[in-house]
Every structure is written in structure tokens, then in C-alpha cells.
């Protein structure tokens, strides 16, 4: 089964940039699907993650870089 990694991000977020670099590095070591969403383009995503970006979800499980 191929894992799926989702990054919830926003423009101008330096921690989001760091998370993306870490994901890019991980892609060199293993195979997984990747998708990225800018939370500011979707009101529901913004409501969910506004104070938590970047958020990395692996197979739909949430992992916050801040906690």
C-alpha cells in the first residue's frame, strides 16, 4: 500500500516551507503520494488549521509541526 502525505500550508509561512523541504527529502528515500493544500483558499480548511499550519497528514491522520 502506498502511503499518502498531505501538507496543509499557506503562503508566507516559513515553517510550511521547512515542512515542504522535509517532505521533499523524504521522497528521495521512499515512495508515497503527495498533495498540498493552501488553507487560505478554502474556508473550511482555514477554520480547521488556521492556527496550526503547517499540518502534515499521513494517510489522513493529522500531524502538526507545532505539537
PDB file of N, CA and C in Angstrom:
ATOM      1  N   UNK A   1       0.840  -1.188   0.000  1.00  0.00           N
ATOM      2  CA  UNK A   1       0.000   0.000   0.000  1.00  0.00           C
ATOM      3  C   UNK A   1       0.887   1.254   0.000  1.00  0.00           C
ATOM      4  N   UNK A   2       0.610   2.153  -0.907  1.00  0.00           N
ATOM      5  CA  UNK A   2       1.349   3.413  -0.976  1.00  0.00           C
ATOM      6  C   UNK A   2       0.731   4.396   0.004  1.00  0.00           C
ATOM      7  N   UNK A   3       1.558   4.982   0.822  1.00  0.00           N
ATOM      8  CA  UNK A   3       1.083   5.966   1.798  1.00  0.00           C
ATOM      9  C   UNK A   3       0.794   7.288   1.088  1.00  0.00           C
ATOM     10  N   UNK A   4      -0.053   8.088   1.731  1.00  0.00           N
ATOM     11  CA  UNK A   4      -0.416   9.401   1.192  1.00  0.00           C
ATOM     12  C   UNK A   4      -0.078  10.466   2.229  1.00  0.00           C
ATOM     13  N   UNK A   5       0.715  11.435   1.809  1.00  0.00           N
ATOM     14  CA  UNK A   5       1.119  12.534   2.680  1.00  0.00           C
ATOM     15  C   UNK A   5       0.460  13.809   2.166  1.00  0.00           C
ATOM     16  N   UNK A   6      -0.193  14.521   3.065  1.00  0.00           N
ATOM     17  CA  UNK A   6      -0.867  15.769   2.714  1.00  0.00           C
ATOM     18  C   UNK A   6      -0.283  16.885   3.570  1.00  0.00           C
ATOM     19  N   UNK A   7       0.075  17.976   2.914  1.00  0.00           N
ATOM     20  CA  UNK A   7       0.587  19.155   3.615  1.00  0.00           C
ATOM     21  C   UNK A   7      -0.443  20.265   3.511  1.00  0.00           C
ATOM     22  N   UNK A   8      -0.886  20.768   4.661  1.00  0.00           N
ATOM     23  CA  UNK A   8      -1.768  21.936   4.722  1.00  0.00           C
ATOM     24  C   UNK A   8      -0.870  23.123   5.026  1.00  0.00           C
ATOM     25  N   UNK A   9      -0.913  24.112   4.175  1.00  0.00           N
ATOM     26  CA  UNK A   9       0.056  25.197   4.212  1.00  0.00           C
ATOM     27  C   UNK A   9      -0.620  26.531   3.917  1.00  0.00           C
ATOM     28  N   UNK A  10       0.176  27.568   3.882  1.00  0.00           N
ATOM     29  CA  UNK A  10      -0.301  28.878   3.423  1.00  0.00           C
ATOM     30  C   UNK A  10       0.902  29.676   2.938  1.00  0.00           C
ATOM     31  N   UNK A  11       0.631  30.613   2.081  1.00  0.00           N
ATOM     32  CA  UNK A  11       1.682  31.469   1.528  1.00  0.00           C
ATOM     33  C   UNK A  11       2.308  32.312   2.636  1.00  0.00           C
ATOM     34  N   UNK A  12       3.635  32.459   2.570  1.00  0.00           N
ATOM     35  CA  UNK A  12       4.343  33.302   3.524  1.00  0.00           C
ATOM     36  C   UNK A  12       4.657  32.622   4.847  1.00  0.00           C
ATOM     37  N   UNK A  13       4.429  31.327   4.941  1.00  0.00           N
ATOM     38  CA  UNK A  13       4.657  30.584   6.184  1.00  0.00           C
ATOM     39  C   UNK A  13       6.020  29.903   6.106  1.00  0.00           C
ATOM     40  N   UNK A  14       7.004  30.412   6.850  1.00  0.00           N
ATOM     41  CA  UNK A  14       8.346  29.838   6.769  1.00  0.00           C
ATOM     42  C   UNK A  14       8.400  28.416   7.324  1.00  0.00           C
ATOM     43  N   UNK A  15       7.579  28.111   8.325  1.00  0.00           N
ATOM     44  CA  UNK A  15       7.528  26.740   8.829  1.00  0.00           C
ATOM     45  C   UNK A  15       6.938  25.790   7.787  1.00  0.00           C
ATOM     46  N   UNK A  16       6.010  26.299   6.990  1.00  0.00           N
ATOM     47  CA  UNK A  16       5.440  25.489   5.902  1.00  0.00           C
ATOM     48  C   UNK A  16       6.522  25.173   4.875  1.00  0.00           C
ATOM     49  N   UNK A  17       7.363  26.160   4.582  1.00  0.00           N
ATOM     50  CA  UNK A  17       8.466  25.940   3.640  1.00  0.00           C
ATOM     51  C   UNK A  17       9.417  24.868   4.173  1.00  0.00           C
ATOM     52  N   UNK A  18       9.693  24.896   5.467  1.00  0.00           N
ATOM     53  CA  UNK A  18      10.557  23.886   6.075  1.00  0.00           C
ATOM     54  C   UNK A  18       9.912  22.504   6.010  1.00  0.00           C
ATOM     55  N   UNK A  19       8.618  22.441   6.272  1.00  0.00           N
ATOM     56  CA  UNK A  19       7.910  21.159   6.214  1.00  0.00           C
ATOM     57  C   UNK A  19       7.954  20.594   4.796  1.00  0.00           C
ATOM     58  N   UNK A  20       7.776  21.465   3.810  1.00  0.00           N
ATOM     59  CA  UNK A  20       7.814  21.008   2.420  1.00  0.00           C
ATOM     60  C   UNK A  20       9.207  20.485   2.057  1.00  0.00           C
ATOM     61  N   UNK A  21      10.254  21.157   2.520  1.00  0.00           N
ATOM     62  CA  UNK A  21      11.612  20.666   2.256  1.00  0.00           C
ATOM     63  C   UNK A  21      11.833  19.301   2.900  1.00  0.00           C
ATOM     64  N   UNK A  22      11.312  19.109   4.096  1.00  0.00           N
ATOM     65  CA  UNK A  22      11.450  17.818   4.773  1.00  0.00           C
ATOM     66  C   UNK A  22      10.698  16.723   4.008  1.00  0.00           C
ATOM     67  N   UNK A  23       9.535  17.048   3.500  1.00  0.00           N
ATOM     68  CA  UNK A  23       8.766  16.077   2.714  1.00  0.00           C
ATOM     69  C   UNK A  23       9.501  15.766   1.415  1.00  0.00           C
ATOM     70  N   UNK A  24      10.040  16.791   0.768  1.00  0.00           N
ATOM     71  CA  UNK A  24      10.808  16.566  -0.462  1.00  0.00           C
ATOM     72  C   UNK A  24      12.001  15.647  -0.202  1.00  0.00           C
ATOM     73  N   UNK A  25      12.673  15.836   0.914  1.00  0.00           N
ATOM     74  CA  UNK A  25      13.808  14.981   1.268  1.00  0.00           C
ATOM     75  C   UNK A  25      13.340  13.549   1.524  1.00  0.00           C
ATOM     76  N   UNK A  26      12.204  13.399   2.168  1.00  0.00           N
ATOM     77  CA  UNK A  26      11.668  12.060   2.439  1.00  0.00           C
ATOM     78  C   UNK A  26      11.302  11.340   1.146  1.00  0.00           C
ATOM     79  N   UNK A  27      10.879  12.095   0.142  1.00  0.00           N
ATOM     80  CA  UNK A  27      10.523  11.488  -1.144  1.00  0.00           C
ATOM     81  C   UNK A  27      11.737  10.875  -1.827  1.00  0.00           C
ATOM     82  N   UNK A  28      12.933  11.328  -1.487  1.00  0.00           N
ATOM     83  CA  UNK A  28      14.144  10.743  -2.052  1.00  0.00           C
ATOM     84  C   UNK A  28      14.437   9.375  -1.428  1.00  0.00           C
ATOM     85  N   UNK A  29      13.912   9.143  -0.232  1.00  0.00           N
ATOM     86  CA  UNK A  29      14.173   7.895   0.495  1.00  0.00           C
ATOM     87  C   UNK A  29      13.054   6.870   0.362  1.00  0.00           C
ATOM     88  N   UNK A  30      11.876   7.303  -0.065  1.00  0.00           N
ATOM     89  CA  UNK A  30      10.750   6.371  -0.147  1.00  0.00           C
ATOM     90  C   UNK A  30       9.668   6.883  -1.066  1.00  0.00           C
ATOM     91  N   UNK A  31       8.755   6.002  -1.399  1.00  0.00           N
ATOM     92  CA  UNK A  31       7.674   6.334  -2.308  1.00  0.00           C
ATOM     93  C   UNK A  31       6.394   6.588  -1.527  1.00  0.00           C
ATOM     94  N   UNK A  32       5.755   7.691  -1.829  1.00  0.00           N
ATOM     95  CA  UNK A  32       4.436   7.979  -1.277  1.00  0.00           C
ATOM     96  C   UNK A  32       3.761   9.026  -2.155  1.00  0.00           C
ATOM     97  N   UNK A  33       2.442   9.032  -2.110  1.00  0.00           N
ATOM     98  CA  UNK A  33       1.674  10.062  -2.806  1.00  0.00           C
ATOM     99  C   UNK A  33       1.776  11.349  -1.998  1.00  0.00           C
ATOM    100  N   UNK A  34       1.718  12.474  -2.698  1.00  0.00           N
ATOM    101  CA  UNK A  34       1.838  13.766  -2.021  1.00  0.00           C
ATOM    102  C   UNK A  34       0.809  14.725  -2.581  1.00  0.00           C
ATOM    103  N   UNK A  35       0.170  15.452  -1.680  1.00  0.00           N
ATOM    104  CA  UNK A  35      -0.717  16.542  -2.089  1.00  0.00           C
ATOM    105  C   UNK A  35      -0.545  17.692  -1.118  1.00  0.00           C
ATOM    106  N   UNK A  36      -0.826  18.876  -1.610  1.00  0.00           N
ATOM    107  CA  UNK A  36      -0.627  20.087  -0.824  1.00  0.00           C
ATOM    108  C   UNK A  36      -1.841  20.989  -0.998  1.00  0.00           C
ATOM    109  N   UNK A  37      -2.308  21.557   0.114  1.00  0.00           N
ATOM    110  CA  UNK A  37      -3.452  22.454   0.086  1.00  0.00           C
ATOM    111  C   UNK A  37      -3.111  23.761   0.787  1.00  0.00           C
ATOM    112  N   UNK A  38      -3.408  24.868   0.134  1.00  0.00           N
ATOM    113  CA  UNK A  38      -3.304  26.197   0.741  1.00  0.00           C
ATOM    114  C   UNK A  38      -4.599  26.426   1.505  1.00  0.00           C
ATOM    115  N   UNK A  39      -4.520  26.479   2.815  1.00  0.00           N
ATOM    116  CA  UNK A  39      -5.737  26.583   3.623  1.00  0.00           C
ATOM    117  C   UNK A  39      -6.498  27.877   3.381  1.00  0.00           C
ATOM    118  N   UNK A  40      -5.819  28.902   2.892  1.00  0.00           N
ATOM    119  CA  UNK A  40      -6.488  30.187   2.683  1.00  0.00           C
ATOM    120  C   UNK A  40      -7.381  30.196   1.447  1.00  0.00           C
ATOM    121  N   UNK A  41      -7.379  29.100   0.680  1.00  0.00           N
ATOM    122  CA  UNK A  41      -8.256  29.029  -0.495  1.00  0.00           C
ATOM    123  C   UNK A  41      -9.552  28.289  -0.192  1.00  0.00           C
ATOM    124  N   UNK A  42      -9.686  27.791   1.044  1.00  0.00           N
ATOM    125  CA  UNK A  42     -10.864  27.011   1.419  1.00  0.00           C
ATOM    126  C   UNK A  42     -11.282  27.398   2.838  1.00  0.00           C
ATOM    127  N   UNK A  43     -12.468  27.990   2.987  1.00  0.00           N
ATOM    128  CA  UNK A  43     -12.900  28.448   4.318  1.00  0.00           C
ATOM    129  C   UNK A  43     -12.916  27.346   5.380  1.00  0.00           C
ATOM    130  N   UNK A  44     -13.272  26.130   5.016  1.00  0.00           N
ATOM    131  CA  UNK A  44     -13.313  25.044   5.995  1.00  0.00           C
ATOM    132  C   UNK A  44     -11.903  24.641   6.432  1.00  0.00           C
ATOM    133  N   UNK A  45     -10.972  24.569   5.496  1.00  0.00           N
ATOM    134  CA  UNK A  45      -9.590  24.262   5.861  1.00  0.00           C
ATOM    135  C   UNK A  45      -9.008  25.375   6.730  1.00  0.00           C
ATOM    136  N   UNK A  46      -9.339  26.605   6.395  1.00  0.00           N
ATOM    137  CA  UNK A  46      -8.849  27.721   7.207  1.00  0.00           C
ATOM    138  C   UNK A  46      -9.406  27.655   8.631  1.00  0.00           C
ATOM    139  N   UNK A  47     -10.670  27.304   8.746  1.00  0.00           N
ATOM    140  CA  UNK A  47     -11.281  27.170  10.066  1.00  0.00           C
ATOM    141  C   UNK A  47     -10.586  26.065  10.866  1.00  0.00           C
ATOM    142  N   UNK A  48     -10.274  24.962  10.206  1.00  0.00           N
ATOM    143  CA  UNK A  48      -9.666  23.821  10.892  1.00  0.00           C
ATOM    144  C   UNK A  48      -8.207  24.048  11.281  1.00  0.00           C
ATOM    145  N   UNK A  49      -7.435  24.681  10.396  1.00  0.00           N
ATOM    146  CA  UNK A  49      -5.983  24.697  10.552  1.00  0.00           C
ATOM    147  C   UNK A  49      -5.363  26.080  10.680  1.00  0.00           C
ATOM    148  N   UNK A  50      -6.158  27.120  10.793  1.00  0.00           N
ATOM    149  CA  UNK A  50      -5.648  28.493  10.764  1.00  0.00           C
ATOM    150  C   UNK A  50      -4.484  28.728  11.723  1.00  0.00           C
ATOM    151  N   UNK A  51      -4.587  28.248  12.934  1.00  0.00           N
ATOM    152  CA  UNK A  51      -3.560  28.488  13.948  1.00  0.00           C
ATOM    153  C   UNK A  51      -2.527  27.367  14.022  1.00  0.00           C
ATOM    154  N   UNK A  52      -2.617  26.370  13.140  1.00  0.00           N
ATOM    155  CA  UNK A  52      -1.774  25.188  13.268  1.00  0.00           C
ATOM    156  C   UNK A  52      -0.826  24.932  12.111  1.00  0.00           C
ATOM    157  N   UNK A  53      -0.922  25.673  11.020  1.00  0.00           N
ATOM    158  CA  UNK A  53      -0.074  25.362   9.865  1.00  0.00           C
ATOM    159  C   UNK A  53       1.397  25.518  10.213  1.00  0.00           C
ATOM    160  N   UNK A  54       2.241  24.681   9.680  1.00  0.00           N
ATOM    161  CA  UNK A  54       1.908  23.622   8.738  1.00  0.00           C
ATOM    162  C   UNK A  54       1.365  22.392   9.457  1.00  0.00           C
ATOM    163  N   UNK A  55       0.473  21.706   8.776  1.00  0.00           N
ATOM    164  CA  UNK A  55      -0.051  20.437   9.263  1.00  0.00           C
ATOM    165  C   UNK A  55       0.278  19.391   8.215  1.00  0.00           C
ATOM    166  N   UNK A  56       0.841  18.287   8.660  1.00  0.00           N
ATOM    167  CA  UNK A  56       1.142  17.164   7.784  1.00  0.00           C
ATOM    168  C   UNK A  56       0.223  16.021   8.179  1.00  0.00           C
ATOM    169  N   UNK A  57      -0.528  15.517   7.212  1.00  0.00           N
ATOM    170  CA  UNK A  57      -1.391  14.357   7.441  1.00  0.00           C
ATOM    171  C   UNK A  57      -0.799  13.178   6.684  1.00  0.00           C
ATOM    172  N   UNK A  58      -0.679  12.064   7.373  1.00  0.00           N
ATOM    173  CA  UNK A  58      -0.182  10.837   6.759  1.00  0.00           C
ATOM    174  C   UNK A  58      -1.321   9.832   6.794  1.00  0.00           C
ATOM    175  N   UNK A  59      -1.742   9.430   5.603  1.00  0.00           N
ATOM    176  CA  UNK A  59      -2.894   8.531   5.480  1.00  0.00           C
ATOM    177  C   UNK A  59      -4.091   9.085   6.263  1.00  0.00           C
ATOM    178  N   UNK A  60      -4.299  10.386   6.132  1.00  0.00           N
ATOM    179  CA  UNK A  60      -5.422  11.121   6.719  1.00  0.00           C
ATOM    180  C   UNK A  60      -5.323  11.320   8.228  1.00  0.00           C
ATOM    181  N   UNK A  61      -4.223  10.886   8.848  1.00  0.00           N
ATOM    182  CA  UNK A  61      -4.014  11.153  10.276  1.00  0.00           C
ATOM    183  C   UNK A  61      -3.253  12.467  10.403  1.00  0.00           C
ATOM    184  N   UNK A  62      -3.617  13.284  11.347  1.00  0.00           N
ATOM    185  CA  UNK A  62      -3.046  14.618  11.481  1.00  0.00           C
ATOM    186  C   UNK A  62      -1.763  14.626  12.278  1.00  0.00           C
ATOM    187  N   UNK A  63      -0.776  15.346  11.762  1.00  0.00           N
ATOM    188  CA  UNK A  63       0.475  15.567  12.479  1.00  0.00           C
ATOM    189  C   UNK A  63       0.784  17.050  12.372  1.00  0.00           C
ATOM    190  N   UNK A  64       0.770  17.746  13.475  1.00  0.00           N
ATOM    191  CA  UNK A  64       1.070  19.159  13.464  1.00  0.00           C
ATOM    192  C   UNK A  64       2.553  19.367  13.754  1.00  0.00           C
ATOM    193  N   UNK A  65       3.179  20.243  13.028  1.00  0.00           N
ATOM    194  CA  UNK A  65       4.599  20.507  13.284  1.00  0.00           C
ATOM    195  C   UNK A  65       4.788  21.301  14.579  1.00  0.00           C
ATOM    196  N   UNK A  66       3.708  21.834  15.117  1.00  0.00           N
ATOM    197  CA  UNK A  66       3.806  22.633  16.334  1.00  0.00           C
ATOM    198  C   UNK A  66       3.487  21.826  17.588  1.00  0.00           C
ATOM    199  N   UNK A  67       3.103  20.597  17.429  1.00  0.00           N
ATOM    200  CA  UNK A  67       2.747  19.847  18.634  1.00  0.00           C
ATOM    201  C   UNK A  67       2.695  18.438  18.348  1.00  0.00           C
TER     202      UNK A  67
END
